[in-house]
Amino acid sequence: MPEMDDLQLDPMPEPLGSGYEPPQEPRPIWPWVAAVAVVVALSALGVWYWRLPAEAPAQRTAAVTEAPTPAEPREPLGPSVETLDLPPLDLTDSLVRDLLRQLSSRPEVATWLATDGLIRNFAVCVDNIAEGKSPARHLRALAPKGSFVVATRGALVQIDARSFQRYDSLADAVASFDAAGLAKLYSSLKPRLADAFRDLGHPDGDIDRGVERAIVHLLQTPAVPPDTALREAVLSYRYADDRVENLSDAQKQMARMGPRNQELVQDKLREIAVTLGIPRERLPAATRLLVHRAGRGPYRNRVPGR
């Protein structure tokens, strides 16, 4: 029987920003993903899934659904706010904690705020998601409770509903955020966010473009039926339908939160995106039909335009 522990951590995690190759056990993407509309998750975006073996280079290329490059010229994202006297990038954690605590008292938020390098952490997660990669190694504090489990019915293997329910509290935390407050926070911290993005190899420091690409990529994640079949691999599970399996790592993380949680996170991401000033026409207008449920006709995603 394949190992079902999807919470294994590397004993020696790499430092923030030291590379973006997708890890083998992606996890949630969330506090700053939601905080800045990326995500994420708190785009926790939070979404760990069972361990997957490394894919061949050709498969990984096919997995990434490239978000369209925003047309130029673009207006800066975020509302006008009073300029803050920001400390240097590596001294911003205390300020970020104070500001974000004013927006949420959720324990999930407090857990993330207890970590260090918050702005750098957010920037590298944005960069990873925009490229379709998992930011798992940078968000280890938000592991869901319990282990990944499957349900078997004869030869059919599916995700057990309990695996989805592990993400309920993270999705609820994302949904609880005030979009206007997060947008103001983004504007206030943008100079240091740009510094962190510049340190990741983006000389122009265009964090706005990274955030938009990340949000669009996550909103492009199709709704995957909860009873979609799995197949066993070496010490892992994969989706039996290649169209699902070939989604990017970031999108598979989103889908593996389960339909209920994915809808909550995507709705909040869309709301934050619009509040930041991303034109609706640059956001995916509708999710797409992807999987057919046996004996029930096509599984249709949420109502177009939501």
C-alpha atoms as a PDB file:
ATOM      1  CA  MET A   1       0.000   0.000   0.000  1.00  0.00           C
ATOM      2  CA  PRO A   2       1.441   3.404  -0.906  1.00  0.00           C
ATOM      3  CA  GLU A   3       2.568   5.708   1.863  1.00  0.00           C
ATOM      4  CA  MET A   4      -0.234   8.150   2.678  1.00  0.00           C
ATOM      5  CA  ASP A   5       1.680  10.658   4.785  1.00  0.00           C
ATOM      6  CA  ASP A   6       1.579  13.837   2.713  1.00  0.00           C
ATOM      7  CA  LEU A   7       3.123  15.911   5.487  1.00  0.00           C
ATOM      8  CA  GLN A   8       6.723  14.718   5.279  1.00  0.00           C
ATOM      9  CA  LEU A   9       9.158  17.593   5.649  1.00  0.00           C
ATOM     10  CA  ASP A  10      12.702  17.855   4.363  1.00  0.00           C
ATOM     11  CA  PRO A  11      15.106  17.729   7.343  1.00  0.00           C
ATOM     12  CA  MET A  12      17.213  20.548   5.862  1.00  0.00           C
ATOM     13  CA  PRO A  13      14.869  23.086   4.199  1.00  0.00           C
ATOM     14  CA  GLU A  14      16.448  25.390   1.659  1.00  0.00           C
ATOM     15  CA  PRO A  15      16.664  29.123   2.446  1.00  0.00           C
ATOM     16  CA  LEU A  16      14.023  31.444   1.074  1.00  0.00           C
ATOM     17  CA  GLY A  17      14.493  32.335  -2.567  1.00  0.00           C
ATOM     18  CA  SER A  18      17.121  29.681  -3.232  1.00  0.00           C
ATOM     19  CA  GLY A  19      15.341  28.157  -6.212  1.00  0.00           C
ATOM     20  CA  TYR A  20      11.910  27.325  -7.525  1.00  0.00           C
ATOM     21  CA  GLU A  21      12.029  23.694  -8.643  1.00  0.00           C
ATOM     22  CA  PRO A  22       8.729  22.069  -7.570  1.00  0.00           C
ATOM     23  CA  PRO A  23       9.041  19.957  -4.422  1.00  0.00           C
ATOM     24  CA  GLN A  24       7.642  16.435  -4.292  1.00  0.00           C
ATOM     25  CA  GLU A  25       5.084  17.121  -1.636  1.00  0.00           C
ATOM     26  CA  PRO A  26       3.431  20.500  -2.246  1.00  0.00           C
ATOM     27  CA  ARG A  27       1.641  22.145   0.614  1.00  0.00           C
ATOM     28  CA  PRO A  28      -0.503  25.157   1.322  1.00  0.00           C
ATOM     29  CA  ILE A  29       0.085  28.475  -0.243  1.00  0.00           C
ATOM     30  CA  TRP A  30      -1.843  30.670   1.794  1.00  0.00           C
ATOM     31  CA  PRO A  31      -1.514  33.581   4.118  1.00  0.00           C
ATOM     32  CA  TRP A  32       0.108  36.006   1.743  1.00  0.00           C
ATOM     33  CA  VAL A  33      -1.594  34.482  -1.227  1.00  0.00           C
ATOM     34  CA  ALA A  34      -4.857  35.678   0.183  1.00  0.00           C
ATOM     35  CA  ALA A  35      -3.350  38.751   1.741  1.00  0.00           C
ATOM     36  CA  VAL A  36      -2.272  39.996  -1.588  1.00  0.00           C
ATOM     37  CA  ALA A  37      -4.784  38.235  -3.720  1.00  0.00           C
ATOM     38  CA  VAL A  38      -2.613  35.651  -4.854  1.00  0.00           C
ATOM     39  CA  VAL A  39      -3.347  33.165  -3.483  1.00  0.00           C
ATOM     40  CA  VAL A  40      -2.508  31.404  -2.467  1.00  0.00           C
ATOM     41  CA  ALA A  41      -3.530  31.305   0.152  1.00  0.00           C
ATOM     42  CA  LEU A  42      -3.525  32.782   2.437  1.00  0.00           C
ATOM     43  CA  SER A  43      -3.865  31.144  -0.806  1.00  0.00           C
ATOM     44  CA  ALA A  44      -3.272  28.508   1.616  1.00  0.00           C
ATOM     45  CA  LEU A  45      -4.056  29.003  -1.035  1.00  0.00           C
ATOM     46  CA  GLY A  46      -3.114  26.187   1.676  1.00  0.00           C
ATOM     47  CA  VAL A  47      -3.004  22.934   0.046  1.00  0.00           C
ATOM     48  CA  TRP A  48      -0.797  19.980   0.852  1.00  0.00           C
ATOM     49  CA  TYR A  49      -1.245  16.810  -1.155  1.00  0.00           C
ATOM     50  CA  TRP A  50       0.063  13.284  -1.067  1.00  0.00           C
ATOM     51  CA  ARG A  51       3.646  12.680  -2.141  1.00  0.00           C
ATOM     52  CA  LEU A  52       4.176  12.446  -5.875  1.00  0.00           C
ATOM     53  CA  PRO A  53       7.201  11.072  -7.720  1.00  0.00           C
ATOM     54  CA  ALA A  54       9.170  13.500  -9.869  1.00  0.00           C
ATOM     55  CA  GLU A  55       7.748  13.961 -13.339  1.00  0.00           C
ATOM     56  CA  ALA A  56       9.763  13.780 -16.526  1.00  0.00           C
ATOM     57  CA  PRO A  57      10.818  17.160 -18.013  1.00  0.00           C
ATOM     58  CA  ALA A  58       8.347  16.841 -20.874  1.00  0.00           C
ATOM     59  CA  GLN A  59       5.490  16.231 -18.438  1.00  0.00           C
ATOM     60  CA  ARG A  60       6.405  19.225 -16.321  1.00  0.00           C
ATOM     61  CA  THR A  61       6.431  21.493 -19.360  1.00  0.00           C
ATOM     62  CA  ALA A  62       2.925  20.378 -20.272  1.00  0.00           C
ATOM     63  CA  ALA A  63       1.711  20.827 -16.696  1.00  0.00           C
ATOM     64  CA  VAL A  64       2.096  24.586 -16.528  1.00  0.00           C
ATOM     65  CA  THR A  65      -0.787  26.650 -17.840  1.00  0.00           C
ATOM     66  CA  GLU A  66       0.909  29.938 -18.608  1.00  0.00           C
ATOM     67  CA  ALA A  67      -1.030  32.951 -17.378  1.00  0.00           C
ATOM     68  CA  PRO A  68      -1.326  35.649 -20.019  1.00  0.00           C
ATOM     69  CA  THR A  69       1.152  38.482 -19.675  1.00  0.00           C
ATOM     70  CA  PRO A  70      -0.758  41.609 -18.626  1.00  0.00           C
ATOM     71  CA  ALA A  71      -1.050  44.139 -21.399  1.00  0.00           C
ATOM     72  CA  GLU A  72       0.964  47.334 -21.137  1.00  0.00           C
ATOM     73  CA  PRO A  73       0.596  50.005 -19.998  1.00  0.00           C
ATOM     74  CA  ARG A  74      -0.880  48.961 -16.665  1.00  0.00           C
ATOM     75  CA  GLU A  75      -2.008  50.999 -13.721  1.00  0.00           C
ATOM     76  CA  PRO A  76      -0.213  50.174 -10.445  1.00  0.00           C
ATOM     77  CA  LEU A  77      -2.128  47.708  -8.299  1.00  0.00           C
ATOM     78  CA  GLY A  78      -3.558  48.747  -4.987  1.00  0.00           C
ATOM     79  CA  PRO A  79      -5.404  51.847  -3.709  1.00  0.00           C
ATOM     80  CA  SER A  80      -3.734  55.108  -2.750  1.00  0.00           C
ATOM     81  CA  VAL A  81      -2.654  55.050   0.882  1.00  0.00           C
ATOM     82  CA  GLU A  82      -0.692  57.231   3.244  1.00  0.00           C
ATOM     83  CA  THR A  83       3.018  56.555   2.826  1.00  0.00           C
ATOM     84  CA  LEU A  84       4.521  54.603   5.710  1.00  0.00           C
ATOM     85  CA  ASP A  85       8.037  55.053   7.009  1.00  0.00           C
ATOM     86  CA  LEU A  86       9.075  51.479   6.237  1.00  0.00           C
ATOM     87  CA  PRO A  87      12.125  49.873   7.825  1.00  0.00           C
ATOM     88  CA  PRO A  88      14.682  47.988   5.688  1.00  0.00           C
ATOM     89  CA  LEU A  89      13.388  44.738   4.187  1.00  0.00           C
ATOM     90  CA  ASP A  90      14.994  42.416   6.725  1.00  0.00           C
ATOM     91  CA  LEU A  91      13.537  44.403   9.614  1.00  0.00           C
ATOM     92  CA  THR A  92       9.891  44.437   8.476  1.00  0.00           C
ATOM     93  CA  ASP A  93       8.531  41.362  10.281  1.00  0.00           C
ATOM     94  CA  SER A  94       7.327  43.266  13.341  1.00  0.00           C
ATOM     95  CA  LEU A  95       5.476  45.817  11.215  1.00  0.00           C
ATOM     96  CA  VAL A  96       3.867  43.151   9.042  1.00  0.00           C
ATOM     97  CA  ARG A  97       2.674  41.262  12.118  1.00  0.00           C
ATOM     98  CA  ASP A  98       1.121  44.397  13.615  1.00  0.00           C
ATOM     99  CA  LEU A  99      -0.663  45.356  10.387  1.00  0.00           C
ATOM    100  CA  LEU A 100      -1.978  41.904   9.517  1.00  0.00           C
ATOM    101  CA  ARG A 101      -3.183  41.215  13.060  1.00  0.00           C
ATOM    102  CA  GLN A 102      -5.490  44.205  12.641  1.00  0.00           C
ATOM    103  CA  LEU A 103      -7.175  42.373   9.747  1.00  0.00           C
ATOM    104  CA  SER A 104      -7.608  38.937  11.291  1.00  0.00           C
ATOM    105  CA  SER A 105      -7.466  37.198  14.659  1.00  0.00           C
ATOM    106  CA  ARG A 106      -7.743  33.737  13.110  1.00  0.00           C
ATOM    107  CA  PRO A 107      -5.315  31.204  14.606  1.00  0.00           C
ATOM    108  CA  GLU A 108      -4.189  30.206  11.107  1.00  0.00           C
ATOM    109  CA  VAL A 109      -2.999  33.749  10.498  1.00  0.00           C
ATOM    110  CA  ALA A 110      -1.222  33.835  13.862  1.00  0.00           C
ATOM    111  CA  THR A 111       0.597  30.610  12.971  1.00  0.00           C
ATOM    112  CA  TRP A 112       2.006  32.095   9.793  1.00  0.00           C
ATOM    113  CA  LEU A 113       2.864  35.394  11.466  1.00  0.00           C
ATOM    114  CA  ALA A 114       5.010  33.508  13.981  1.00  0.00           C
ATOM    115  CA  THR A 115       7.489  32.678  11.201  1.00  0.00           C
ATOM    116  CA  ASP A 116      10.326  34.919  10.018  1.00  0.00           C
ATOM    117  CA  GLY A 117      11.050  36.670   6.731  1.00  0.00           C
ATOM    118  CA  LEU A 118       7.370  37.309   6.026  1.00  0.00           C
ATOM    119  CA  ILE A 119       7.754  39.672   3.065  1.00  0.00           C
ATOM    120  CA  ARG A 120      10.494  37.563   1.466  1.00  0.00           C
ATOM    121  CA  ASN A 121       8.322  34.508   2.071  1.00  0.00           C
ATOM    122  CA  PHE A 122       5.392  36.109   0.303  1.00  0.00           C
ATOM    123  CA  ALA A 123       7.496  37.251  -2.642  1.00  0.00           C
ATOM    124  CA  VAL A 124       8.971  33.816  -3.307  1.00  0.00           C
ATOM    125  CA  CYS A 125       5.514  32.202  -3.043  1.00  0.00           C
ATOM    126  CA  VAL A 126       4.145  34.681  -5.586  1.00  0.00           C
ATOM    127  CA  ASP A 127       7.057  33.953  -7.892  1.00  0.00           C
ATOM    128  CA  ASN A 128       6.595  30.189  -7.585  1.00  0.00           C
ATOM    129  CA  ILE A 129       2.847  30.265  -8.177  1.00  0.00           C
ATOM    130  CA  ALA A 130       3.169  32.600 -11.159  1.00  0.00           C
ATOM    131  CA  GLU A 131       5.395  29.930 -12.737  1.00  0.00           C
ATOM    132  CA  GLY A 132       2.973  27.131 -11.832  1.00  0.00           C
ATOM    133  CA  LYS A 133       5.310  25.760  -9.166  1.00  0.00           C
ATOM    134  CA  SER A 134       4.557  24.823  -5.597  1.00  0.00           C
ATOM    135  CA  PRO A 135       5.775  27.127  -2.815  1.00  0.00           C
ATOM    136  CA  ALA A 136       5.598  24.241  -0.321  1.00  0.00           C
ATOM    137  CA  ARG A 137       9.070  24.540   1.141  1.00  0.00           C
ATOM    138  CA  HIS A 138       8.392  28.141   2.151  1.00  0.00           C
ATOM    139  CA  LEU A 139       5.107  27.479   3.975  1.00  0.00           C
ATOM    140  CA  ARG A 140       5.804  24.601   6.327  1.00  0.00           C
ATOM    141  CA  ALA A 141       4.024  26.102   9.333  1.00  0.00           C
ATOM    142  CA  LEU A 142       0.549  25.548   7.883  1.00  0.00           C
ATOM    143  CA  ALA A 143       0.353  21.776   7.512  1.00  0.00           C
ATOM    144  CA  PRO A 144      -3.229  20.509   7.822  1.00  0.00           C
ATOM    145  CA  LYS A 145      -4.117  18.208  10.683  1.00  0.00           C
ATOM    146  CA  GLY A 146      -4.299  14.512   9.948  1.00  0.00           C
ATOM    147  CA  SER A 147      -3.039  12.419   7.057  1.00  0.00           C
ATOM    148  CA  PHE A 148      -4.132  12.035   3.466  1.00  0.00           C
ATOM    149  CA  VAL A 149      -6.482   9.063   3.103  1.00  0.00           C
ATOM    150  CA  VAL A 150      -8.252   7.376   0.211  1.00  0.00           C
ATOM    151  CA  ALA A 151     -11.482   5.436  -0.168  1.00  0.00           C
ATOM    152  CA  THR A 152     -11.527   2.198  -2.152  1.00  0.00           C
ATOM    153  CA  ARG A 153     -14.548   0.617  -3.797  1.00  0.00           C
ATOM    154  CA  GLY A 154     -13.386  -2.546  -5.431  1.00  0.00           C
ATOM    155  CA  ALA A 155     -10.745  -1.524  -7.938  1.00  0.00           C
ATOM    156  CA  LEU A 156     -11.764   2.143  -7.769  1.00  0.00           C
ATOM    157  CA  VAL A 157      -9.574   4.413  -5.616  1.00  0.00           C
ATOM    158  CA  GLN A 158     -10.737   7.955  -4.748  1.00  0.00           C
ATOM    159  CA  ILE A 159      -9.859  10.696  -2.287  1.00  0.00           C
ATOM    160  CA  ASP A 160     -11.644  10.254   1.021  1.00  0.00           C
ATOM    161  CA  ALA A 161     -13.736  13.279   2.025  1.00  0.00           C
ATOM    162  CA  ARG A 162     -11.710  13.552   5.245  1.00  0.00           C
ATOM    163  CA  SER A 163      -8.688  14.546   3.172  1.00  0.00           C
ATOM    164  CA  PHE A 164     -10.574  17.581   1.855  1.00  0.00           C
ATOM    165  CA  GLN A 165     -11.910  18.510   5.293  1.00  0.00           C
ATOM    166  CA  ARG A 166      -8.379  19.050   6.620  1.00  0.00           C
ATOM    167  CA  TYR A 167      -8.354  22.325   4.673  1.00  0.00           C
ATOM    168  CA  ASP A 168     -11.706  23.667   5.869  1.00  0.00           C
ATOM    169  CA  SER A 169     -10.251  26.001   8.496  1.00  0.00           C
ATOM    170  CA  LEU A 170      -7.663  27.413   6.092  1.00  0.00           C
ATOM    171  CA  ALA A 171     -10.267  28.102   3.422  1.00  0.00           C
ATOM    172  CA  ASP A 172     -12.559  29.676   6.029  1.00  0.00           C
ATOM    173  CA  ALA A 173      -9.702  31.935   7.130  1.00  0.00           C
ATOM    174  CA  VAL A 174      -9.111  33.066   3.551  1.00  0.00           C
ATOM    175  CA  ALA A 175     -12.820  33.732   3.027  1.00  0.00           C
ATOM    176  CA  SER A 176     -13.001  35.811   6.218  1.00  0.00           C
ATOM    177  CA  PHE A 177     -10.508  38.447   5.063  1.00  0.00           C
ATOM    178  CA  ASP A 178     -11.669  41.919   4.104  1.00  0.00           C
ATOM    179  CA  ALA A 179     -10.553  42.503   0.515  1.00  0.00           C
ATOM    180  CA  ALA A 180     -10.297  46.278   0.933  1.00  0.00           C
ATOM    181  CA  GLY A 181      -8.096  45.923   4.004  1.00  0.00           C
ATOM    182  CA  LEU A 182      -5.773  43.493   2.237  1.00  0.00           C
ATOM    183  CA  ALA A 183      -5.498  45.782  -0.778  1.00  0.00           C
ATOM    184  CA  LYS A 184      -4.505  48.711   1.447  1.00  0.00           C
ATOM    185  CA  LEU A 185      -1.945  46.528   3.203  1.00  0.00           C
ATOM    186  CA  TYR A 186      -0.482  45.558  -0.162  1.00  0.00           C
ATOM    187  CA  SER A 187      -0.140  49.204  -1.189  1.00  0.00           C
ATOM    188  CA  SER A 188       1.454  50.126   2.135  1.00  0.00           C
ATOM    189  CA  LEU A 189       4.089  47.394   1.911  1.00  0.00           C
ATOM    190  CA  LYS A 190       4.687  47.504  -1.841  1.00  0.00           C
ATOM    191  CA  PRO A 191       8.106  49.216  -1.703  1.00  0.00           C
ATOM    192  CA  ARG A 192       9.495  46.357   0.404  1.00  0.00           C
ATOM    193  CA  LEU A 193       7.600  43.737  -1.578  1.00  0.00           C
ATOM    194  CA  ALA A 194       9.300  45.125  -4.681  1.00  0.00           C
ATOM    195  CA  ASP A 195      12.665  44.907  -2.922  1.00  0.00           C
ATOM    196  CA  ALA A 196      12.081  41.246  -2.126  1.00  0.00           C
ATOM    197  CA  PHE A 197      10.921  40.518  -5.683  1.00  0.00           C
ATOM    198  CA  ARG A 198      14.017  42.264  -7.044  1.00  0.00           C
ATOM    199  CA  ASP A 199      16.210  40.027  -4.883  1.00  0.00           C
ATOM    200  CA  LEU A 200      14.637  36.988  -6.576  1.00  0.00           C
ATOM    201  CA  GLY A 201      16.091  37.980  -9.942  1.00  0.00           C
ATOM    202  CA  HIS A 202      13.498  40.480 -11.196  1.00  0.00           C
ATOM    203  CA  PRO A 203      15.523  43.675 -11.729  1.00  0.00           C
ATOM    204  CA  ASP A 204      12.443  45.829 -12.261  1.00  0.00           C
ATOM    205  CA  GLY A 205      10.906  44.657  -8.973  1.00  0.00           C
ATOM    206  CA  ASP A 206       7.502  44.430 -10.673  1.00  0.00           C
ATOM    207  CA  ILE A 207       5.647  42.670  -7.886  1.00  0.00           C
ATOM    208  CA  ASP A 208       2.332  43.816  -9.433  1.00  0.00           C
ATOM    209  CA  ARG A 209       2.949  41.691 -12.509  1.00  0.00           C
ATOM    210  CA  GLY A 210       3.922  38.702 -10.368  1.00  0.00           C
ATOM    211  CA  VAL A 211       0.817  38.995  -8.230  1.00  0.00           C
ATOM    212  CA  GLU A 212      -1.481  39.252 -11.245  1.00  0.00           C
ATOM    213  CA  ARG A 213       0.106  36.252 -12.951  1.00  0.00           C
ATOM    214  CA  ALA A 214      -0.189  34.193  -9.762  1.00  0.00           C
ATOM    215  CA  ILE A 215      -3.836  35.077  -9.199  1.00  0.00           C
ATOM    216  CA  VAL A 216      -4.778  34.367 -12.801  1.00  0.00           C
ATOM    217  CA  HIS A 217      -2.992  31.017 -12.692  1.00  0.00           C
ATOM    218  CA  LEU A 218      -4.876  29.925  -9.585  1.00  0.00           C
ATOM    219  CA  LEU A 219      -8.208  31.149 -10.961  1.00  0.00           C
ATOM    220  CA  GLN A 220      -7.591  29.013 -14.040  1.00  0.00           C
ATOM    221  CA  THR A 221      -7.700  25.873 -11.886  1.00  0.00           C
ATOM    222  CA  PRO A 222     -10.707  23.823 -13.018  1.00  0.00           C
ATOM    223  CA  ALA A 223     -13.136  22.283 -10.553  1.00  0.00           C
ATOM    224  CA  VAL A 224     -12.219  18.618 -10.213  1.00  0.00           C
ATOM    225  CA  PRO A 225     -15.012  16.254  -9.086  1.00  0.00           C
ATOM    226  CA  PRO A 226     -14.355  14.883  -5.597  1.00  0.00           C
ATOM    227  CA  ASP A 227     -14.922  11.328  -6.857  1.00  0.00           C
ATOM    228  CA  THR A 228     -12.241  11.547  -9.549  1.00  0.00           C
ATOM    229  CA  ALA A 229     -10.345   8.251  -9.744  1.00  0.00           C
ATOM    230  CA  LEU A 230      -6.768   7.861  -8.581  1.00  0.00           C
ATOM    231  CA  ARG A 231      -4.129   5.366  -9.606  1.00  0.00           C
ATOM    232  CA  GLU A 232      -1.352   3.994  -7.481  1.00  0.00           C
ATOM    233  CA  ALA A 233       2.215   4.896  -8.296  1.00  0.00           C
ATOM    234  CA  VAL A 234       5.456   4.195  -6.449  1.00  0.00           C
ATOM    235  CA  LEU A 235       4.762   5.238  -2.845  1.00  0.00           C
ATOM    236  CA  SER A 236       2.166   7.712  -4.075  1.00  0.00           C
ATOM    237  CA  TYR A 237      -1.106   8.364  -5.862  1.00  0.00           C
ATOM    238  CA  ARG A 238      -1.773  10.168  -9.109  1.00  0.00           C
ATOM    239  CA  TYR A 239      -4.960  11.249 -10.818  1.00  0.00           C
ATOM    240  CA  ALA A 240      -6.064   8.640 -13.313  1.00  0.00           C
ATOM    241  CA  ASP A 241      -7.179  11.355 -15.754  1.00  0.00           C
ATOM    242  CA  ASP A 242      -4.080  12.851 -17.386  1.00  0.00           C
ATOM    243  CA  ARG A 243      -5.865  16.175 -17.915  1.00  0.00           C
ATOM    244  CA  VAL A 244      -6.009  16.592 -14.153  1.00  0.00           C
ATOM    245  CA  GLU A 245      -2.601  15.082 -13.456  1.00  0.00           C
ATOM    246  CA  ASN A 246      -0.988  17.440 -15.983  1.00  0.00           C
ATOM    247  CA  LEU A 247      -2.199  20.579 -14.232  1.00  0.00           C
ATOM    248  CA  SER A 248       0.634  22.581 -12.693  1.00  0.00           C
ATOM    249  CA  ASP A 249       1.735  21.777  -9.152  1.00  0.00           C
ATOM    250  CA  ALA A 250       0.154  25.009  -7.903  1.00  0.00           C
ATOM    251  CA  GLN A 251      -3.167  24.174  -9.559  1.00  0.00           C
ATOM    252  CA  LYS A 252      -3.183  20.599  -8.259  1.00  0.00           C
ATOM    253  CA  GLN A 253      -2.660  21.966  -4.781  1.00  0.00           C
ATOM    254  CA  MET A 254      -5.712  24.157  -5.234  1.00  0.00           C
ATOM    255  CA  ALA A 255      -7.828  21.270  -6.570  1.00  0.00           C
ATOM    256  CA  ARG A 256      -6.805  18.936  -3.760  1.00  0.00           C
ATOM    257  CA  MET A 257      -8.355  21.227  -1.188  1.00  0.00           C
ATOM    258  CA  GLY A 258     -11.682  19.859  -2.415  1.00  0.00           C
ATOM    259  CA  PRO A 259     -14.521  21.595  -4.282  1.00  0.00           C
ATOM    260  CA  ARG A 260     -15.912  23.446  -1.262  1.00  0.00           C
ATOM    261  CA  ASN A 261     -12.585  24.937  -0.213  1.00  0.00           C
ATOM    262  CA  GLN A 262     -11.418  25.649  -3.749  1.00  0.00           C
ATOM    263  CA  GLU A 263     -14.554  27.674  -4.412  1.00  0.00           C
ATOM    264  CA  LEU A 264     -14.115  29.712  -1.227  1.00  0.00           C
ATOM    265  CA  VAL A 265     -10.472  30.507  -2.009  1.00  0.00           C
ATOM    266  CA  GLN A 266     -11.031  31.297  -5.683  1.00  0.00           C
ATOM    267  CA  ASP A 267     -13.987  33.568  -4.893  1.00  0.00           C
ATOM    268  CA  LYS A 268     -11.880  35.501  -2.382  1.00  0.00           C
ATOM    269  CA  LEU A 269      -8.952  35.723  -4.802  1.00  0.00           C
ATOM    270  CA  ARG A 270     -11.239  37.144  -7.457  1.00  0.00           C
ATOM    271  CA  GLU A 271     -12.660  39.688  -5.011  1.00  0.00           C
ATOM    272  CA  ILE A 272      -9.191  40.788  -3.890  1.00  0.00           C
ATOM    273  CA  ALA A 273      -7.962  40.955  -7.483  1.00  0.00           C
ATOM    274  CA  VAL A 274     -10.742  43.345  -8.450  1.00  0.00           C
ATOM    275  CA  THR A 275     -10.171  45.408  -5.288  1.00  0.00           C
ATOM    276  CA  LEU A 276      -6.478  45.680  -6.153  1.00  0.00           C
ATOM    277  CA  GLY A 277      -7.487  47.094  -9.521  1.00  0.00           C
ATOM    278  CA  ILE A 278      -6.958  44.159 -11.868  1.00  0.00           C
ATOM    279  CA  PRO A 279      -9.557  44.661 -14.630  1.00  0.00           C
ATOM    280  CA  ARG A 280     -12.173  41.935 -14.748  1.00  0.00           C
ATOM    281  CA  GLU A 281     -11.400  41.323 -18.403  1.00  0.00           C
ATOM    282  CA  ARG A 282      -7.896  40.215 -17.432  1.00  0.00           C
ATOM    283  CA  LEU A 283      -9.283  37.605 -15.032  1.00  0.00           C
ATOM    284  CA  PRO A 284     -10.563  34.200 -16.177  1.00  0.00           C
ATOM    285  CA  ALA A 285     -14.260  34.741 -16.898  1.00  0.00           C
ATOM    286  CA  ALA A 286     -15.196  31.124 -16.262  1.00  0.00           C
ATOM    287  CA  THR A 287     -13.696  27.822 -15.309  1.00  0.00           C
ATOM    288  CA  ARG A 288     -13.795  25.067 -17.884  1.00  0.00           C
ATOM    289  CA  LEU A 289     -15.339  21.663 -18.299  1.00  0.00           C
ATOM    290  CA  LEU A 290     -12.683  19.084 -17.546  1.00  0.00           C
ATOM    291  CA  VAL A 291     -13.878  15.720 -16.237  1.00  0.00           C
ATOM    292  CA  HIS A 292     -16.889  13.490 -16.935  1.00  0.00           C
ATOM    293  CA  ARG A 293     -18.512  11.713 -14.046  1.00  0.00           C
ATOM    294  CA  ALA A 294     -19.306   8.114 -14.845  1.00  0.00           C
ATOM    295  CA  GLY A 295     -23.011   7.683 -15.547  1.00  0.00           C
ATOM    296  CA  ARG A 296     -23.832  11.308 -14.747  1.00  0.00           C
ATOM    297  CA  GLY A 297     -22.776  13.239 -17.791  1.00  0.00           C
ATOM    298  CA  PRO A 298     -20.221  16.033 -17.706  1.00  0.00           C
ATOM    299  CA  TYR A 299     -19.218  17.611 -14.434  1.00  0.00           C
ATOM    300  CA  ARG A 300     -19.733  21.328 -14.863  1.00  0.00           C
ATOM    301  CA  ASN A 301     -17.697  23.844 -12.982  1.00  0.00           C
ATOM    302  CA  ARG A 302     -19.097  26.859 -11.181  1.00  0.00           C
ATOM    303  CA  VAL A 303     -21.371  29.347 -12.909  1.00  0.00           C
ATOM    304  CA  PRO A 304     -19.347  31.337 -15.487  1.00  0.00           C
ATOM    305  CA  GLY A 305     -18.280  34.738 -14.315  1.00  0.00           C
ATOM    306  CA  ARG A 306     -18.302  34.015 -10.594  1.00  0.00           C
END
